Amino acid sequence: MPFEDVLRANETYAARFDHADLTGRAAKGLAVLTCIDTRIDPLAMLGLRPGDAKILRNAGARVTDDVLRTLVLAGYLLDVSRVMVVAHTDCRMVGGTDDDVHEAIAAQGGPDTRSLEFRVTADVEETLRHDVRRVRSSPYLAGLESGGFVYDVRSGRVTQVC
C-alpha cells in the first residue's frame, strides 16, 4: 500500500493530537507563501506554531491567480492582515527557463507539459518585487501588508528584499 507509512505515522500523531482548540483563523494575522522545497519548514523558520499563520506553498513561491484568490479569502474571512512572500536560495525554479523544465520532465519519461507554465525566473529578488507588487496592486487586497523575503537554505536566515 503506497500510503501505509504515513497513515501509520498519523495514528501516532492522532493519539497525541492537541490542536482541537485551534480555530481556522490566523492568530498572528499572517499568511506565508513559500516554495514546496522540503528544506523549508515555514512555521519553525519564523518562530510560529500551528494556528499562527496561513501557509501557502507552490513551486517557486509565486503569486499566482490561485494565491491571490486564497489571500482574498484569508484576508476577509480568516483574520490575515499581512503576507510574507518567501523565496529561497538554491531553488530549482530560479535559473534556466520553462523550456528547460519541460525538457527535464520529458527526459524523466514524463508527458508533454508545454501547456503548463512553470514560472521559472532568472532573478529571485526581481521576481519577489514583481510578485509583491501583484499583491499590493490587487483591488481585492487593499490594506493587506506584504513583503518579499529570501530564505537561505544553508543558514536558515530570512532576509527582507522588499
N, C-alpha and C. Protein backbone atom coordinates (compact mmCIF):
# COMPACT_ATOMS: atom_id res chain seq x y z
N MET A 1 0.85 -1.18 0.00
CA MET A 1 0.00 0.00 0.00
C MET A 1 0.90 1.24 0.00
N PRO A 2 0.72 2.15 -0.95
CA PRO A 2 1.66 3.27 -1.10
C PRO A 2 1.63 4.31 0.02
N PHE A 3 0.59 4.35 0.84
CA PHE A 3 0.49 5.37 1.88
C PHE A 3 0.53 4.79 3.30
N GLU A 4 0.88 3.53 3.40
CA GLU A 4 0.87 2.84 4.69
C GLU A 4 1.76 3.54 5.72
N ASP A 5 2.94 3.97 5.31
CA ASP A 5 3.87 4.61 6.26
C ASP A 5 3.30 5.89 6.86
N VAL A 6 2.69 6.73 6.04
CA VAL A 6 2.17 7.99 6.57
C VAL A 6 0.87 7.79 7.35
N LEU A 7 0.07 6.82 6.97
CA LEU A 7 -1.13 6.53 7.76
C LEU A 7 -0.76 5.95 9.13
N ARG A 8 0.27 5.15 9.17
CA ARG A 8 0.75 4.61 10.44
C ARG A 8 1.27 5.76 11.32
N ALA A 9 2.02 6.67 10.73
CA ALA A 9 2.52 7.83 11.47
C ALA A 9 1.36 8.70 11.95
N ASN A 10 0.30 8.79 11.16
CA ASN A 10 -0.85 9.58 11.57
C ASN A 10 -1.52 9.00 12.80
N GLU A 11 -1.52 7.70 12.93
CA GLU A 11 -2.11 7.09 14.13
C GLU A 11 -1.38 7.57 15.39
N THR A 12 -0.07 7.64 15.32
CA THR A 12 0.72 8.15 16.44
C THR A 12 0.40 9.61 16.70
N TYR A 13 0.35 10.39 15.62
CA TYR A 13 0.02 11.82 15.73
C TYR A 13 -1.36 12.01 16.35
N ALA A 14 -2.35 11.29 15.87
CA ALA A 14 -3.72 11.43 16.37
C ALA A 14 -3.82 11.07 17.85
N ALA A 15 -3.02 10.10 18.29
CA ALA A 15 -3.05 9.69 19.70
C ALA A 15 -2.57 10.81 20.62
N ARG A 16 -1.73 11.71 20.10
CA ARG A 16 -1.21 12.82 20.90
C ARG A 16 -1.77 14.16 20.45
N PHE A 17 -2.78 14.16 19.61
CA PHE A 17 -3.31 15.38 18.99
C PHE A 17 -3.74 16.39 20.05
N ASP A 18 -3.22 17.63 19.92
CA ASP A 18 -3.55 18.66 20.90
C ASP A 18 -3.92 20.00 20.26
N HIS A 19 -4.41 19.96 19.02
CA HIS A 19 -4.77 21.20 18.33
C HIS A 19 -6.28 21.37 18.16
N ALA A 20 -7.06 20.59 18.86
CA ALA A 20 -8.51 20.64 18.69
C ALA A 20 -9.09 22.00 19.08
N ASP A 21 -8.37 22.76 19.90
CA ASP A 21 -8.87 24.05 20.35
C ASP A 21 -8.55 25.19 19.36
N LEU A 22 -7.77 24.92 18.33
CA LEU A 22 -7.44 25.96 17.36
C LEU A 22 -8.64 26.27 16.48
N THR A 23 -8.70 27.52 16.01
CA THR A 23 -9.73 27.90 15.06
C THR A 23 -9.10 27.91 13.67
N GLY A 24 -9.87 28.20 12.66
CA GLY A 24 -9.34 28.29 11.30
C GLY A 24 -8.73 29.66 11.00
N ARG A 25 -8.70 30.53 11.98
CA ARG A 25 -8.19 31.89 11.78
C ARG A 25 -6.69 31.94 12.06
N ALA A 26 -6.02 32.94 11.46
CA ALA A 26 -4.58 33.11 11.65
C ALA A 26 -4.35 33.95 12.91
N ALA A 27 -3.92 33.32 14.00
CA ALA A 27 -3.78 34.00 15.29
C ALA A 27 -2.83 35.19 15.23
N LYS A 28 -1.82 35.12 14.39
CA LYS A 28 -0.86 36.23 14.26
C LYS A 28 -1.15 37.11 13.05
N GLY A 29 -2.30 36.89 12.40
CA GLY A 29 -2.68 37.71 11.26
C GLY A 29 -1.76 37.58 10.06
N LEU A 30 -1.08 36.46 9.95
CA LEU A 30 -0.04 36.29 8.95
C LEU A 30 -0.36 35.17 7.96
N ALA A 31 -0.05 35.45 6.69
CA ALA A 31 -0.04 34.41 5.66
C ALA A 31 1.38 34.35 5.13
N VAL A 32 1.86 33.15 4.88
CA VAL A 32 3.21 32.95 4.35
C VAL A 32 3.09 32.13 3.08
N LEU A 33 3.56 32.72 1.98
CA LEU A 33 3.66 31.99 0.72
C LEU A 33 5.11 31.61 0.54
N THR A 34 5.37 30.34 0.41
CA THR A 34 6.74 29.89 0.19
C THR A 34 6.74 28.73 -0.80
N CYS A 35 7.92 28.25 -1.08
CA CYS A 35 8.11 27.19 -2.07
C CYS A 35 7.81 25.81 -1.48
N ILE A 36 7.65 24.84 -2.35
CA ILE A 36 7.40 23.47 -1.93
C ILE A 36 8.67 22.74 -1.50
N ASP A 37 9.81 23.39 -1.60
CA ASP A 37 11.09 22.77 -1.26
C ASP A 37 11.04 22.16 0.14
N THR A 38 11.46 20.92 0.26
CA THR A 38 11.38 20.20 1.54
C THR A 38 12.35 20.72 2.59
N ARG A 39 13.27 21.58 2.21
CA ARG A 39 14.20 22.15 3.19
C ARG A 39 13.58 23.31 3.96
N ILE A 40 12.37 23.68 3.60
CA ILE A 40 11.70 24.82 4.23
C ILE A 40 10.64 24.32 5.21
N ASP A 41 10.77 24.70 6.46
CA ASP A 41 9.77 24.44 7.49
C ASP A 41 9.18 25.80 7.87
N PRO A 42 8.10 26.22 7.20
CA PRO A 42 7.62 27.60 7.34
C PRO A 42 7.33 28.03 8.78
N LEU A 43 6.73 27.20 9.57
CA LEU A 43 6.42 27.61 10.93
C LEU A 43 7.70 27.77 11.75
N ALA A 44 8.57 26.78 11.70
CA ALA A 44 9.80 26.83 12.50
C ALA A 44 10.70 27.99 12.09
N MET A 45 10.81 28.25 10.79
CA MET A 45 11.75 29.29 10.35
C MET A 45 11.34 30.68 10.82
N LEU A 46 10.07 30.86 11.17
CA LEU A 46 9.58 32.16 11.61
C LEU A 46 9.16 32.17 13.08
N GLY A 47 9.47 31.11 13.81
CA GLY A 47 9.13 31.05 15.22
C GLY A 47 7.64 30.97 15.48
N LEU A 48 6.92 30.32 14.56
CA LEU A 48 5.47 30.21 14.67
C LEU A 48 5.05 28.83 15.13
N ARG A 49 3.79 28.75 15.54
CA ARG A 49 3.20 27.48 15.96
C ARG A 49 1.94 27.24 15.13
N PRO A 50 1.45 26.01 15.11
CA PRO A 50 0.19 25.75 14.40
C PRO A 50 -0.90 26.72 14.89
N GLY A 51 -1.64 27.27 13.94
CA GLY A 51 -2.69 28.22 14.26
C GLY A 51 -2.27 29.68 14.13
N ASP A 52 -0.96 29.93 14.08
CA ASP A 52 -0.48 31.31 13.99
C ASP A 52 -0.65 31.92 12.61
N ALA A 53 -0.48 31.11 11.55
CA ALA A 53 -0.43 31.66 10.19
C ALA A 53 -1.05 30.71 9.19
N LYS A 54 -1.46 31.29 8.06
CA LYS A 54 -1.89 30.50 6.91
C LYS A 54 -0.65 30.25 6.07
N ILE A 55 -0.43 29.01 5.70
CA ILE A 55 0.75 28.63 4.91
C ILE A 55 0.29 28.24 3.51
N LEU A 56 0.83 28.93 2.51
CA LEU A 56 0.54 28.63 1.11
C LEU A 56 1.86 28.21 0.48
N ARG A 57 1.82 27.19 -0.36
CA ARG A 57 3.05 26.72 -0.98
C ARG A 57 2.81 26.39 -2.45
N ASN A 58 3.79 26.74 -3.26
CA ASN A 58 3.80 26.30 -4.65
C ASN A 58 5.25 26.34 -5.15
N ALA A 59 5.50 25.76 -6.29
CA ALA A 59 6.85 25.73 -6.83
C ALA A 59 7.32 27.14 -7.14
N GLY A 60 8.37 27.58 -6.47
CA GLY A 60 8.93 28.89 -6.69
C GLY A 60 8.34 30.00 -5.85
N ALA A 61 7.36 29.70 -5.00
CA ALA A 61 6.71 30.72 -4.15
C ALA A 61 6.16 31.86 -4.98
N ARG A 62 5.45 31.54 -6.04
CA ARG A 62 4.96 32.55 -6.98
C ARG A 62 3.53 32.98 -6.64
N VAL A 63 3.28 34.28 -6.79
CA VAL A 63 1.95 34.84 -6.58
C VAL A 63 1.15 34.61 -7.85
N THR A 64 0.40 33.53 -7.84
CA THR A 64 -0.45 33.15 -8.97
C THR A 64 -1.87 33.64 -8.72
N ASP A 65 -2.73 33.48 -9.70
CA ASP A 65 -4.14 33.84 -9.51
C ASP A 65 -4.74 33.05 -8.35
N ASP A 66 -4.35 31.80 -8.20
CA ASP A 66 -4.90 30.99 -7.11
C ASP A 66 -4.41 31.49 -5.75
N VAL A 67 -3.16 31.95 -5.69
CA VAL A 67 -2.66 32.53 -4.44
C VAL A 67 -3.44 33.80 -4.11
N LEU A 68 -3.68 34.65 -5.10
CA LEU A 68 -4.47 35.86 -4.86
C LEU A 68 -5.86 35.52 -4.36
N ARG A 69 -6.49 34.54 -4.97
CA ARG A 69 -7.82 34.09 -4.53
C ARG A 69 -7.79 33.65 -3.07
N THR A 70 -6.78 32.89 -2.72
CA THR A 70 -6.64 32.39 -1.36
C THR A 70 -6.39 33.52 -0.38
N LEU A 71 -5.58 34.50 -0.77
CA LEU A 71 -5.32 35.64 0.11
C LEU A 71 -6.57 36.49 0.33
N VAL A 72 -7.41 36.61 -0.69
CA VAL A 72 -8.66 37.34 -0.51
C VAL A 72 -9.50 36.65 0.57
N LEU A 73 -9.65 35.35 0.47
CA LEU A 73 -10.41 34.61 1.48
C LEU A 73 -9.76 34.73 2.86
N ALA A 74 -8.45 34.57 2.91
CA ALA A 74 -7.74 34.65 4.19
C ALA A 74 -7.84 36.04 4.80
N GLY A 75 -7.78 37.06 3.95
CA GLY A 75 -7.85 38.43 4.44
C GLY A 75 -9.21 38.81 4.99
N TYR A 76 -10.25 38.41 4.29
CA TYR A 76 -11.59 38.82 4.69
C TYR A 76 -12.26 37.86 5.67
N LEU A 77 -11.88 36.61 5.63
CA LEU A 77 -12.60 35.62 6.45
C LEU A 77 -11.76 34.95 7.53
N LEU A 78 -10.43 35.06 7.46
CA LEU A 78 -9.58 34.29 8.38
C LEU A 78 -8.55 35.13 9.11
N ASP A 79 -8.82 36.43 9.22
CA ASP A 79 -8.02 37.36 10.04
C ASP A 79 -6.60 37.61 9.55
N VAL A 80 -6.30 37.37 8.28
CA VAL A 80 -4.97 37.68 7.76
C VAL A 80 -4.89 39.16 7.42
N SER A 81 -3.86 39.83 7.93
CA SER A 81 -3.66 41.26 7.66
C SER A 81 -2.30 41.53 7.02
N ARG A 82 -1.46 40.52 6.93
CA ARG A 82 -0.14 40.68 6.33
C ARG A 82 0.30 39.38 5.68
N VAL A 83 1.11 39.54 4.64
CA VAL A 83 1.57 38.35 3.91
C VAL A 83 3.06 38.47 3.63
N MET A 84 3.75 37.38 3.85
CA MET A 84 5.16 37.26 3.50
C MET A 84 5.27 36.35 2.28
N VAL A 85 5.92 36.83 1.23
CA VAL A 85 6.25 36.00 0.08
C VAL A 85 7.71 35.62 0.29
N VAL A 86 7.96 34.32 0.50
CA VAL A 86 9.30 33.87 0.88
C VAL A 86 9.86 32.92 -0.16
N ALA A 87 10.76 33.45 -0.98
CA ALA A 87 11.51 32.61 -1.93
C ALA A 87 12.71 32.04 -1.17
N HIS A 88 13.56 31.29 -1.86
CA HIS A 88 14.71 30.74 -1.16
C HIS A 88 15.90 30.57 -2.09
N THR A 89 17.05 30.41 -1.48
CA THR A 89 18.27 30.16 -2.24
C THR A 89 18.23 28.73 -2.77
N ASP A 90 19.00 28.48 -3.80
CA ASP A 90 19.14 27.14 -4.38
C ASP A 90 17.80 26.54 -4.80
N CYS A 91 16.98 27.37 -5.44
CA CYS A 91 15.65 26.93 -5.89
C CYS A 91 15.71 26.43 -7.33
N ARG A 92 15.06 25.34 -7.61
CA ARG A 92 15.02 24.77 -8.96
C ARG A 92 14.29 25.68 -9.95
N MET A 93 13.45 26.57 -9.43
CA MET A 93 12.68 27.46 -10.30
C MET A 93 13.42 28.77 -10.60
N VAL A 94 14.67 28.88 -10.16
CA VAL A 94 15.49 30.06 -10.44
C VAL A 94 16.63 29.63 -11.35
N GLY A 95 16.78 30.33 -12.46
CA GLY A 95 17.81 29.99 -13.43
C GLY A 95 17.20 29.09 -14.50
N GLY A 96 17.65 29.25 -15.70
CA GLY A 96 17.08 28.48 -16.79
C GLY A 96 15.76 29.06 -17.25
N THR A 97 14.98 28.22 -17.91
CA THR A 97 13.72 28.66 -18.50
C THR A 97 12.65 27.59 -18.28
N ASP A 98 11.42 27.96 -18.59
CA ASP A 98 10.35 26.97 -18.56
C ASP A 98 10.66 25.83 -19.53
N ASP A 99 11.24 26.15 -20.68
CA ASP A 99 11.60 25.11 -21.64
C ASP A 99 12.57 24.09 -21.03
N ASP A 100 13.49 24.56 -20.20
CA ASP A 100 14.41 23.65 -19.53
C ASP A 100 13.65 22.66 -18.63
N VAL A 101 12.65 23.16 -17.95
CA VAL A 101 11.85 22.30 -17.07
C VAL A 101 11.04 21.31 -17.89
N HIS A 102 10.44 21.77 -18.97
CA HIS A 102 9.69 20.86 -19.85
C HIS A 102 10.60 19.74 -20.35
N GLU A 103 11.80 20.10 -20.77
CA GLU A 103 12.75 19.10 -21.27
C GLU A 103 13.19 18.14 -20.17
N ALA A 104 13.41 18.65 -18.96
CA ALA A 104 13.82 17.79 -17.85
C ALA A 104 12.72 16.79 -17.50
N ILE A 105 11.49 17.23 -17.55
CA ILE A 105 10.36 16.32 -17.27
C ILE A 105 10.27 15.26 -18.36
N ALA A 106 10.40 15.68 -19.60
CA ALA A 106 10.37 14.72 -20.72
C ALA A 106 11.51 13.72 -20.61
N ALA A 107 12.69 14.19 -20.18
CA ALA A 107 13.85 13.30 -20.04
C ALA A 107 13.63 12.25 -18.95
N GLN A 108 12.73 12.53 -18.01
CA GLN A 108 12.40 11.57 -16.96
C GLN A 108 11.24 10.67 -17.37
N GLY A 109 10.85 10.76 -18.63
CA GLY A 109 9.76 9.93 -19.12
C GLY A 109 8.39 10.54 -18.90
N GLY A 110 8.38 11.80 -18.53
CA GLY A 110 7.11 12.48 -18.28
C GLY A 110 6.40 12.87 -19.57
N PRO A 111 5.17 13.33 -19.44
CA PRO A 111 4.37 13.73 -20.60
C PRO A 111 4.81 15.08 -21.14
N ASP A 112 4.24 15.47 -22.25
CA ASP A 112 4.46 16.79 -22.82
C ASP A 112 3.76 17.80 -21.92
N THR A 113 4.54 18.67 -21.28
CA THR A 113 3.98 19.62 -20.32
C THR A 113 3.98 21.05 -20.85
N ARG A 114 4.15 21.22 -22.14
CA ARG A 114 4.25 22.58 -22.70
C ARG A 114 2.99 23.42 -22.51
N SER A 115 1.88 22.81 -22.16
CA SER A 115 0.67 23.60 -21.88
C SER A 115 0.70 24.20 -20.47
N LEU A 116 1.68 23.82 -19.67
CA LEU A 116 1.81 24.33 -18.31
C LEU A 116 2.86 25.44 -18.26
N GLU A 117 2.62 26.41 -17.39
CA GLU A 117 3.59 27.48 -17.17
C GLU A 117 4.23 27.24 -15.80
N PHE A 118 5.54 27.04 -15.77
CA PHE A 118 6.22 26.77 -14.51
C PHE A 118 6.75 28.02 -13.83
N ARG A 119 6.81 29.13 -14.55
CA ARG A 119 7.23 30.41 -13.99
C ARG A 119 8.66 30.41 -13.48
N VAL A 120 9.55 29.80 -14.24
CA VAL A 120 10.97 29.84 -13.91
C VAL A 120 11.44 31.27 -14.06
N THR A 121 12.36 31.69 -13.20
CA THR A 121 12.85 33.06 -13.22
C THR A 121 14.37 33.09 -13.19
N ALA A 122 14.93 34.17 -13.69
CA ALA A 122 16.38 34.33 -13.69
C ALA A 122 16.86 35.10 -12.46
N ASP A 123 15.99 35.89 -11.84
CA ASP A 123 16.40 36.78 -10.75
C ASP A 123 15.38 36.69 -9.62
N VAL A 124 15.75 36.03 -8.54
CA VAL A 124 14.81 35.79 -7.44
C VAL A 124 14.36 37.11 -6.80
N GLU A 125 15.24 38.07 -6.64
CA GLU A 125 14.84 39.31 -5.99
C GLU A 125 13.90 40.15 -6.86
N GLU A 126 14.18 40.22 -8.16
CA GLU A 126 13.29 40.96 -9.06
C GLU A 126 11.92 40.27 -9.13
N THR A 127 11.92 38.95 -9.12
CA THR A 127 10.66 38.20 -9.13
C THR A 127 9.88 38.46 -7.85
N LEU A 128 10.55 38.52 -6.71
CA LEU A 128 9.87 38.85 -5.46
C LEU A 128 9.24 40.24 -5.53
N ARG A 129 9.99 41.20 -6.06
CA ARG A 129 9.44 42.55 -6.18
C ARG A 129 8.18 42.54 -7.06
N HIS A 130 8.26 41.83 -8.17
CA HIS A 130 7.11 41.73 -9.08
C HIS A 130 5.91 41.09 -8.38
N ASP A 131 6.15 39.97 -7.69
CA ASP A 131 5.05 39.26 -7.05
C ASP A 131 4.45 40.04 -5.89
N VAL A 132 5.28 40.74 -5.13
CA VAL A 132 4.76 41.57 -4.04
C VAL A 132 3.95 42.73 -4.61
N ARG A 133 4.40 43.32 -5.72
CA ARG A 133 3.60 44.38 -6.38
C ARG A 133 2.25 43.83 -6.80
N ARG A 134 2.23 42.58 -7.21
CA ARG A 134 0.97 41.96 -7.61
C ARG A 134 -0.02 41.89 -6.44
N VAL A 135 0.49 41.55 -5.27
CA VAL A 135 -0.37 41.54 -4.07
C VAL A 135 -0.81 42.95 -3.74
N ARG A 136 0.14 43.87 -3.71
CA ARG A 136 -0.16 45.25 -3.31
C ARG A 136 -1.11 45.95 -4.27
N SER A 137 -1.09 45.58 -5.53
CA SER A 137 -1.94 46.26 -6.51
C SER A 137 -3.30 45.60 -6.70
N SER A 138 -3.53 44.48 -6.04
CA SER A 138 -4.83 43.82 -6.18
C SER A 138 -5.92 44.66 -5.53
N PRO A 139 -6.97 44.96 -6.27
CA PRO A 139 -8.07 45.76 -5.69
C PRO A 139 -8.79 45.00 -4.58
N TYR A 140 -8.61 43.70 -4.52
CA TYR A 140 -9.27 42.89 -3.50
C TYR A 140 -8.47 42.80 -2.20
N LEU A 141 -7.23 43.28 -2.23
CA LEU A 141 -6.35 43.11 -1.07
C LEU A 141 -5.89 44.44 -0.49
N ALA A 142 -6.68 45.48 -0.69
CA ALA A 142 -6.34 46.80 -0.13
C ALA A 142 -6.19 46.68 1.38
N GLY A 143 -5.12 47.22 1.89
CA GLY A 143 -4.89 47.19 3.34
C GLY A 143 -4.08 46.00 3.81
N LEU A 144 -3.86 45.03 2.96
CA LEU A 144 -3.05 43.87 3.34
C LEU A 144 -1.58 44.25 3.23
N GLU A 145 -0.85 44.20 4.33
CA GLU A 145 0.59 44.49 4.32
C GLU A 145 1.31 43.31 3.68
N SER A 146 2.30 43.59 2.85
CA SER A 146 3.01 42.49 2.20
C SER A 146 4.48 42.82 2.05
N GLY A 147 5.29 41.77 2.03
CA GLY A 147 6.72 41.93 1.85
C GLY A 147 7.31 40.71 1.19
N GLY A 148 8.47 40.91 0.55
CA GLY A 148 9.16 39.82 -0.11
C GLY A 148 10.45 39.49 0.63
N PHE A 149 10.73 38.21 0.77
CA PHE A 149 11.85 37.74 1.59
C PHE A 149 12.56 36.58 0.89
N VAL A 150 13.82 36.37 1.26
CA VAL A 150 14.57 35.22 0.78
C VAL A 150 15.05 34.42 1.98
N TYR A 151 14.76 33.14 1.95
CA TYR A 151 15.21 32.20 2.98
C TYR A 151 16.47 31.51 2.47
N ASP A 152 17.52 31.55 3.27
CA ASP A 152 18.78 30.89 2.91
C ASP A 152 18.74 29.45 3.42
N VAL A 153 18.72 28.49 2.50
CA VAL A 153 18.60 27.08 2.89
C VAL A 153 19.86 26.55 3.58
N ARG A 154 20.95 27.29 3.54
CA ARG A 154 22.19 26.85 4.20
C ARG A 154 22.31 27.39 5.62
N SER A 155 21.81 28.63 5.85
CA SER A 155 21.96 29.25 7.17
C SER A 155 20.67 29.29 7.97
N GLY A 156 19.51 29.18 7.29
CA GLY A 156 18.23 29.30 7.96
C GLY A 156 17.75 30.72 8.13
N ARG A 157 18.51 31.69 7.66
CA ARG A 157 18.16 33.11 7.82
C ARG A 157 17.17 33.57 6.76
N VAL A 158 16.27 34.47 7.18
CA VAL A 158 15.32 35.11 6.29
C VAL A 158 15.71 36.58 6.19
N THR A 159 15.83 37.06 4.94
CA THR A 159 16.22 38.45 4.70
C THR A 159 15.12 39.14 3.90
N GLN A 160 14.74 40.34 4.31
CA GLN A 160 13.72 41.09 3.58
C GLN A 160 14.33 41.75 2.36
N VAL A 161 13.66 41.59 1.21
CA VAL A 161 14.07 42.19 -0.06
C VAL A 161 13.23 43.42 -0.36
N CYS A 162 11.94 43.33 -0.11
CA CYS A 162 11.04 44.46 -0.37
C CYS A 162 9.85 44.41 0.58
